[in-house]
Each structure stands twice: as C-alpha cells, then as structure tokens.
C-alpha cells in the first residue's frame, strides 16, 4: 500500500457540551482528524470523519463479536480510552484499508480484524503527533481488551461522513482519569489582572528565573510501523518529513516555542531564531492536520 498525500476535509458536528466536556471533545476531534487523514491517504482522496455526541443513524448495539480496544495514554495526558467497533464497521474499515471493493455481504475473515487493528495503530500514531501542540508529548499504546470495567467520564462516536462509500461508526469512551486530565487543561476565561496580582506575579517570576529548563531542537519526525522499526540497523536511513532548507523547531518541555535555522558556534550546533510563536499559534486549529 502506497502512502499518498492528500488534503483531508474533516467534518465536525457542532456539539453542545458543558464546559467540563470541552477538552474531551477537542481531544476526540484530534482523533477524528487523524482518522480522516489516514483514511484519506489510503483512499487517495479526502475522507470526512465526524465526531458525534450521539450514536449515528443505524448504529449497531453492542454485541460479543464487536472489536474492542483500549488506548492507554501516558506522558502529557494519563488515562484510558475504550473503542468499540461493531462487526459491520470492522468489515467496512478493513475493506477500505485493504483496498477491497465495498461489499457488506462479504465473508468475514480474521484478516479483516487484523487490518482494523493496524489501521487504529496508524491513527494513534498520527493522533500522538497532533496532540503535542496542546498537550505536549503524549504516548498512546493500543491493545485489544474486553469491555472496560470503569465508568465512562465522556463518550461519543466517530463516524464516516454522510454519503461515504465506506460507512462506519465506532463508539468511544474516556475513563474518568483521562477525562479529568483533559478537564485540568481547560483554559479559564481571561480577566484583567489587578495591581496586586501583577506585583505578585513579578515576584513569583523572579523566583523562577534561575530554574534550569531543557530545550530541544526538532529537525523533523516520521510515523513508522513497528515492523519497520524492528528492521532498523547500522547504516539504516530514516527519512524525516522536513526539507533541509526548512526551519527547525525549538521545544521547551515538549512544547513548540520558536523556529529558526541551524548554525555552528565554536564547533557546536546552535539555533538562530527566526520566529517566536505565541500561545495561540501553538493551539490546535479546526483545519486538517499534516503529518
């Protein structure tokens, strides 16, 4: 299967959610956009994936032969997400992933389950990269698992856009721990600081000026399948997603703060800053995301 570049057009349903759910919906929107990007690359054309608060039309009730997986989040976010993929959705996603003709009456094979598992791992890889600007470094590990024993802190569906030739709907649930971690990152409404607050802030800042922080230069990145990583050895070349003339990223504690060009200073690498990024520039927008 070739990796084709495409511009994904993710369709999001406006959700009416309480403030505590805003971050959970933003988190799942990243998953919707990541799935849209992976499926769009496979199909060779834009593929819309919707993030729904309610079950889509003709949603399949839970059955024993559903595919279930748990996504464990670590790093910037901690907790679990449960995914339930009904049998018809497994077949539709597998046929798309394997470039098979859409046939809802086709014989179900073990290869179909394996294909969806690999698809979800690729989506998780894209999602982990896309989560960085807002939540920092997040590691996502996907495993097959029985239905969760915990109560859901938030739930909803990811579904193919209306009119898709490969319709599907999969149900997601976030654990209370992950939902709480997301809620803790919610940005409160901005208020004008008082004179006392400003003075206290300046004093607190003085206390922090001598704290050492680690900064990192990022020349590029690439998502790789586990089997490709296992084949790496001495002399292997890993191609990154960035051209030589493109600026490199400067990260502070995993968050992108500036971009610039690499220079050499007294035999050591250095960075000449060309652009400082504002907090707003680090946030996830509503458009499709590149690799």
Protein backbone atom coordinates (compact mmCIF):
# COMPACT_ATOMS: atom_id res chain seq x y z
CA UNK A 1 0.00 0.00 0.00
CA UNK A 2 1.50 3.32 -1.05
CA UNK A 3 1.45 6.40 1.15
CA UNK A 4 -0.39 9.05 -0.83
CA UNK A 5 -0.54 12.64 0.30
CA UNK A 6 -3.93 14.33 0.38
CA UNK A 7 -5.72 17.23 1.96
CA UNK A 8 -8.36 15.88 4.34
CA UNK A 9 -11.64 17.65 4.82
CA UNK A 10 -12.83 16.71 8.29
CA UNK A 11 -16.48 17.37 9.00
CA UNK A 12 -17.28 18.10 12.64
CA UNK A 13 -20.78 18.22 14.08
CA UNK A 14 -21.26 21.23 16.39
CA UNK A 15 -21.58 19.83 19.90
CA UNK A 16 -23.46 21.40 22.76
CA UNK A 17 -21.33 20.34 25.73
CA UNK A 18 -20.86 21.57 29.29
CA UNK A 19 -17.51 23.28 29.97
CA UNK A 20 -16.09 20.11 31.58
CA UNK A 21 -16.55 18.27 28.26
CA UNK A 22 -14.92 20.88 26.02
CA UNK A 23 -11.41 19.43 26.33
CA UNK A 24 -12.70 15.87 25.88
CA UNK A 25 -14.41 16.90 22.64
CA UNK A 26 -11.26 18.69 21.47
CA UNK A 27 -9.24 15.55 22.24
CA UNK A 28 -11.62 13.37 20.24
CA UNK A 29 -11.69 15.89 17.39
CA UNK A 30 -7.94 15.26 17.07
CA UNK A 31 -8.72 11.55 16.74
CA UNK A 32 -11.39 12.28 14.11
CA UNK A 33 -9.00 14.41 12.09
CA UNK A 34 -6.21 11.83 12.42
CA UNK A 35 -8.52 9.06 11.23
CA UNK A 36 -9.66 11.26 8.33
CA UNK A 37 -6.05 11.83 7.34
CA UNK A 38 -5.09 8.14 7.43
CA UNK A 39 -8.20 7.04 5.53
CA UNK A 40 -7.76 9.87 3.03
CA UNK A 41 -4.19 8.72 2.32
CA UNK A 42 -5.37 5.16 1.80
CA UNK A 43 -8.29 6.08 -0.44
CA UNK A 44 -6.32 8.73 -2.31
CA UNK A 45 -8.98 11.41 -1.80
CA UNK A 46 -10.39 13.47 1.09
CA UNK A 47 -12.27 11.36 3.64
CA UNK A 48 -14.59 13.01 6.18
CA UNK A 49 -14.85 11.68 9.73
CA UNK A 50 -17.35 13.18 12.14
CA UNK A 51 -17.09 13.43 15.93
CA UNK A 52 -20.62 12.87 17.24
CA UNK A 53 -22.09 13.29 20.70
CA UNK A 54 -24.90 10.83 19.90
CA UNK A 55 -24.95 7.50 18.11
CA UNK A 56 -25.24 7.88 14.32
CA UNK A 57 -28.21 6.58 12.38
CA UNK A 58 -28.26 2.77 12.11
CA UNK A 59 -25.64 2.44 14.86
CA UNK A 60 -25.09 -1.16 15.87
CA UNK A 61 -25.81 -2.12 19.51
CA UNK A 62 -23.04 -3.81 21.48
CA UNK A 63 -22.50 -7.48 20.61
CA UNK A 64 -20.00 -10.15 21.62
CA UNK A 65 -18.30 -10.18 18.22
CA UNK A 66 -17.51 -6.46 18.29
CA UNK A 67 -13.84 -5.50 18.15
CA UNK A 68 -12.80 -3.78 21.37
CA UNK A 69 -9.56 -1.97 22.07
CA UNK A 70 -8.12 0.14 24.87
CA UNK A 71 -5.84 3.10 24.21
CA UNK A 72 -3.53 3.84 27.14
CA UNK A 73 -2.34 7.45 27.32
CA UNK A 74 0.84 8.40 29.17
CA UNK A 75 3.03 11.50 29.36
CA UNK A 76 1.22 14.81 28.98
CA UNK A 77 -2.12 13.04 29.46
CA UNK A 78 -2.82 9.92 31.50
CA UNK A 79 -5.80 7.60 31.38
CA UNK A 80 -7.59 5.19 29.10
CA UNK A 81 -9.93 5.31 26.12
CA UNK A 82 -12.12 2.41 25.09
CA UNK A 83 -13.06 1.82 21.44
CA UNK A 84 -15.88 -0.46 20.28
CA UNK A 85 -16.05 -1.27 16.57
CA UNK A 86 -19.19 -3.21 15.52
CA UNK A 87 -18.81 -6.06 13.03
CA UNK A 88 -20.22 -4.08 10.02
CA UNK A 89 -17.80 -1.23 10.77
CA UNK A 90 -14.88 -3.68 11.01
CA UNK A 91 -15.76 -5.01 7.56
CA UNK A 92 -16.12 -1.54 6.01
CA UNK A 93 -12.87 -0.22 7.51
CA UNK A 94 -10.96 -3.38 6.62
CA UNK A 95 -12.14 -3.32 3.02
CA UNK A 96 -11.05 0.30 2.73
CA UNK A 97 -7.68 -0.39 4.40
CA UNK A 98 -7.05 -3.45 2.21
CA UNK A 99 -8.26 -1.66 -0.96
CA UNK A 100 -11.07 -4.18 -1.41
CA UNK A 101 -14.38 -3.40 -3.09
CA UNK A 102 -17.10 -2.39 -0.63
CA UNK A 103 -19.30 -5.44 -0.01
CA UNK A 104 -21.38 -5.52 3.15
CA UNK A 105 -22.27 -9.17 2.48
CA UNK A 106 -18.67 -10.35 2.09
CA UNK A 107 -17.40 -13.25 4.17
CA UNK A 108 -15.82 -12.02 7.39
CA UNK A 109 -12.19 -13.12 7.85
CA UNK A 110 -9.58 -12.83 10.56
CA UNK A 111 -7.60 -10.61 8.19
CA UNK A 112 -10.32 -8.00 8.49
CA UNK A 113 -9.84 -7.73 12.27
CA UNK A 114 -6.05 -7.57 11.86
CA UNK A 115 -6.40 -4.83 9.23
CA UNK A 116 -8.56 -2.67 11.52
CA UNK A 117 -6.09 -3.17 14.37
CA UNK A 118 -3.25 -1.93 12.15
CA UNK A 119 -5.42 0.97 10.96
CA UNK A 120 -6.10 2.05 14.55
CA UNK A 121 -2.39 1.89 15.38
CA UNK A 122 -1.63 4.21 12.46
CA UNK A 123 -4.38 6.60 13.58
CA UNK A 124 -2.99 6.54 17.13
CA UNK A 125 0.44 7.45 15.76
CA UNK A 126 -0.98 10.45 13.90
CA UNK A 127 -3.04 11.46 16.95
CA UNK A 128 0.01 11.36 19.26
CA UNK A 129 1.81 13.78 16.93
CA UNK A 130 -1.22 16.07 16.60
CA UNK A 131 -1.74 16.22 20.37
CA UNK A 132 1.70 17.74 21.01
CA UNK A 133 0.89 21.43 20.41
CA UNK A 134 -1.86 21.44 23.02
CA UNK A 135 -0.99 18.68 25.48
CA UNK A 136 2.75 18.12 24.97
CA UNK A 137 4.32 14.69 24.49
CA UNK A 138 1.60 12.04 24.79
CA UNK A 139 2.36 8.36 24.32
CA UNK A 140 -0.55 6.26 23.06
CA UNK A 141 -0.50 2.46 23.34
CA UNK A 142 -3.30 0.41 21.79
CA UNK A 143 -4.24 -3.11 22.91
CA UNK A 144 -7.21 -5.40 22.34
CA UNK A 145 -9.21 -5.74 25.52
CA UNK A 146 -12.62 -6.74 26.92
CA UNK A 147 -15.24 -4.08 27.71
CA UNK A 148 -13.91 -1.63 30.32
CA UNK A 149 -14.81 -2.14 33.95
CA UNK A 150 -14.66 1.58 34.67
CA UNK A 151 -17.48 4.10 34.26
CA UNK A 152 -17.10 6.47 31.31
CA UNK A 153 -16.21 10.07 32.06
CA UNK A 154 -17.16 11.07 28.50
CA UNK A 155 -18.44 9.17 25.46
CA UNK A 156 -19.47 9.57 21.84
CA UNK A 157 -18.95 8.23 18.34
CA UNK A 158 -16.59 8.61 15.39
CA UNK A 159 -18.36 8.04 12.08
CA UNK A 160 -17.77 8.36 8.36
CA UNK A 161 -19.24 11.49 6.82
CA UNK A 162 -22.63 11.29 5.19
CA UNK A 163 -22.57 9.81 1.73
CA UNK A 164 -19.34 7.86 2.30
CA UNK A 165 -18.90 4.71 0.20
CA UNK A 166 -17.47 3.05 3.33
CA UNK A 167 -19.91 3.95 6.11
CA UNK A 168 -18.86 3.09 9.65
CA UNK A 169 -19.40 4.15 13.23
CA UNK A 170 -17.27 3.31 16.24
CA UNK A 171 -18.08 4.13 19.84
CA UNK A 172 -15.55 5.70 22.21
CA UNK A 173 -15.46 6.17 25.96
CA UNK A 174 -12.93 8.08 28.05
CA UNK A 175 -12.07 6.93 31.54
CA UNK A 176 -12.71 9.30 34.43
CA UNK A 177 -8.94 9.66 34.88
CA UNK A 178 -8.34 10.74 31.27
CA UNK A 179 -11.39 13.00 31.29
CA UNK A 180 -10.13 14.66 34.48
CA UNK A 181 -6.66 15.10 32.96
CA UNK A 182 -8.23 16.77 29.95
CA UNK A 183 -10.51 18.95 32.09
CA UNK A 184 -7.48 20.11 34.06
CA UNK A 185 -6.06 21.63 30.88
CA UNK A 186 -9.16 23.75 30.17
CA UNK A 187 -8.28 27.42 29.75
CA UNK A 188 -10.22 29.70 32.11
CA UNK A 189 -11.73 32.90 30.81
CA UNK A 190 -9.18 35.68 30.76
CA UNK A 191 -9.69 38.54 33.23
CA UNK A 192 -7.79 41.78 33.63
CA UNK A 193 -5.11 41.36 36.37
CA UNK A 194 -5.23 43.65 39.38
CA UNK A 195 -2.24 45.70 40.57
CA UNK A 196 -1.74 43.25 43.44
CA UNK A 197 -1.85 40.28 41.06
CA UNK A 198 0.71 41.90 38.76
CA UNK A 199 3.09 42.59 41.63
CA UNK A 200 2.74 39.07 42.97
CA UNK A 201 3.31 37.68 39.50
CA UNK A 202 6.52 39.65 39.07
CA UNK A 203 7.80 38.44 42.46
CA UNK A 204 6.98 34.85 41.60
CA UNK A 205 8.70 35.21 38.25
CA UNK A 206 11.90 36.36 39.98
CA UNK A 207 11.86 33.13 41.99
CA UNK A 208 11.78 31.11 38.78
CA UNK A 209 14.39 32.92 36.70
CA UNK A 210 17.25 30.65 37.83
CA UNK A 211 15.36 27.41 37.26
CA UNK A 212 17.03 25.28 34.57
CA UNK A 213 14.75 24.09 31.75
CA UNK A 214 15.58 21.67 28.97
CA UNK A 215 15.12 22.83 25.39
CA UNK A 216 15.20 20.53 22.38
CA UNK A 217 15.78 21.04 18.67
CA UNK A 218 13.45 19.02 16.43
CA UNK A 219 14.65 18.59 12.87
CA UNK A 220 11.60 16.60 11.80
CA UNK A 221 9.62 13.48 12.54
CA UNK A 222 8.07 10.47 10.95
CA UNK A 223 5.46 7.87 11.88
CA UNK A 224 6.73 4.31 11.41
CA UNK A 225 5.19 0.89 11.73
CA UNK A 226 6.63 -1.33 14.43
CA UNK A 227 7.82 -3.86 11.85
CA UNK A 228 9.81 -1.12 10.08
CA UNK A 229 11.41 -0.03 13.36
CA UNK A 230 12.43 -3.61 14.13
CA UNK A 231 14.21 -3.77 10.77
CA UNK A 232 16.43 -0.76 11.56
CA UNK A 233 20.14 -1.41 11.94
CA UNK A 234 23.51 0.23 11.49
CA UNK A 235 23.54 2.15 8.24
CA UNK A 236 19.73 2.45 8.03
CA UNK A 237 18.42 5.83 6.92
CA UNK A 238 15.19 7.22 8.39
CA UNK A 239 13.73 9.92 6.15
CA UNK A 240 12.06 12.77 8.04
CA UNK A 241 9.12 14.92 6.95
CA UNK A 242 11.12 18.13 6.55
CA UNK A 243 13.34 19.54 3.82
CA UNK A 244 16.92 20.61 4.61
CA UNK A 245 16.15 24.28 3.96
CA UNK A 246 13.08 24.33 6.23
CA UNK A 247 13.41 25.83 9.73
CA UNK A 248 13.77 23.53 12.70
CA UNK A 249 11.64 23.63 15.85
CA UNK A 250 12.69 24.74 19.31
CA UNK A 251 10.75 22.95 22.04
CA UNK A 252 10.55 23.79 25.72
CA UNK A 253 9.37 20.85 27.81
CA UNK A 254 7.86 19.32 24.69
CA UNK A 255 6.02 22.48 23.62
CA UNK A 256 6.91 24.34 20.42
CA UNK A 257 8.05 27.91 21.23
CA UNK A 258 10.15 29.04 18.26
CA UNK A 259 11.55 28.15 14.83
CA UNK A 260 14.87 29.00 13.23
CA UNK A 261 17.91 27.88 11.28
CA UNK A 262 20.74 25.67 12.49
CA UNK A 263 24.14 27.31 12.86
CA UNK A 264 27.51 26.15 14.15
CA UNK A 265 29.06 28.07 17.08
CA UNK A 266 32.61 27.09 18.15
CA UNK A 267 32.08 23.59 16.81
CA UNK A 268 28.70 23.15 18.49
CA UNK A 269 25.24 23.21 16.98
CA UNK A 270 23.17 26.30 17.65
CA UNK A 271 19.88 27.85 16.55
CA UNK A 272 19.37 31.30 15.06
CA UNK A 273 15.76 32.12 15.97
CA UNK A 274 13.69 33.41 13.07
CA UNK A 275 10.20 33.20 14.57
CA UNK A 276 8.84 33.22 18.13
CA UNK A 277 5.45 31.55 18.45
CA UNK A 278 2.63 32.96 20.53
CA UNK A 279 0.49 30.66 22.71
CA UNK A 280 -2.37 31.00 20.20
CA UNK A 281 -0.13 29.68 17.42
CA UNK A 282 0.50 26.53 19.45
CA UNK A 283 -3.17 25.63 19.71
CA UNK A 284 -4.89 23.11 17.52
CA UNK A 285 -6.97 24.69 14.80
CA UNK A 286 -10.09 23.35 13.18
CA UNK A 287 -8.49 22.53 9.84
CA UNK A 288 -6.93 19.26 8.76
CA UNK A 289 -3.51 18.39 10.15
CA UNK A 290 -0.42 17.45 8.23
CA UNK A 291 1.98 14.71 9.10
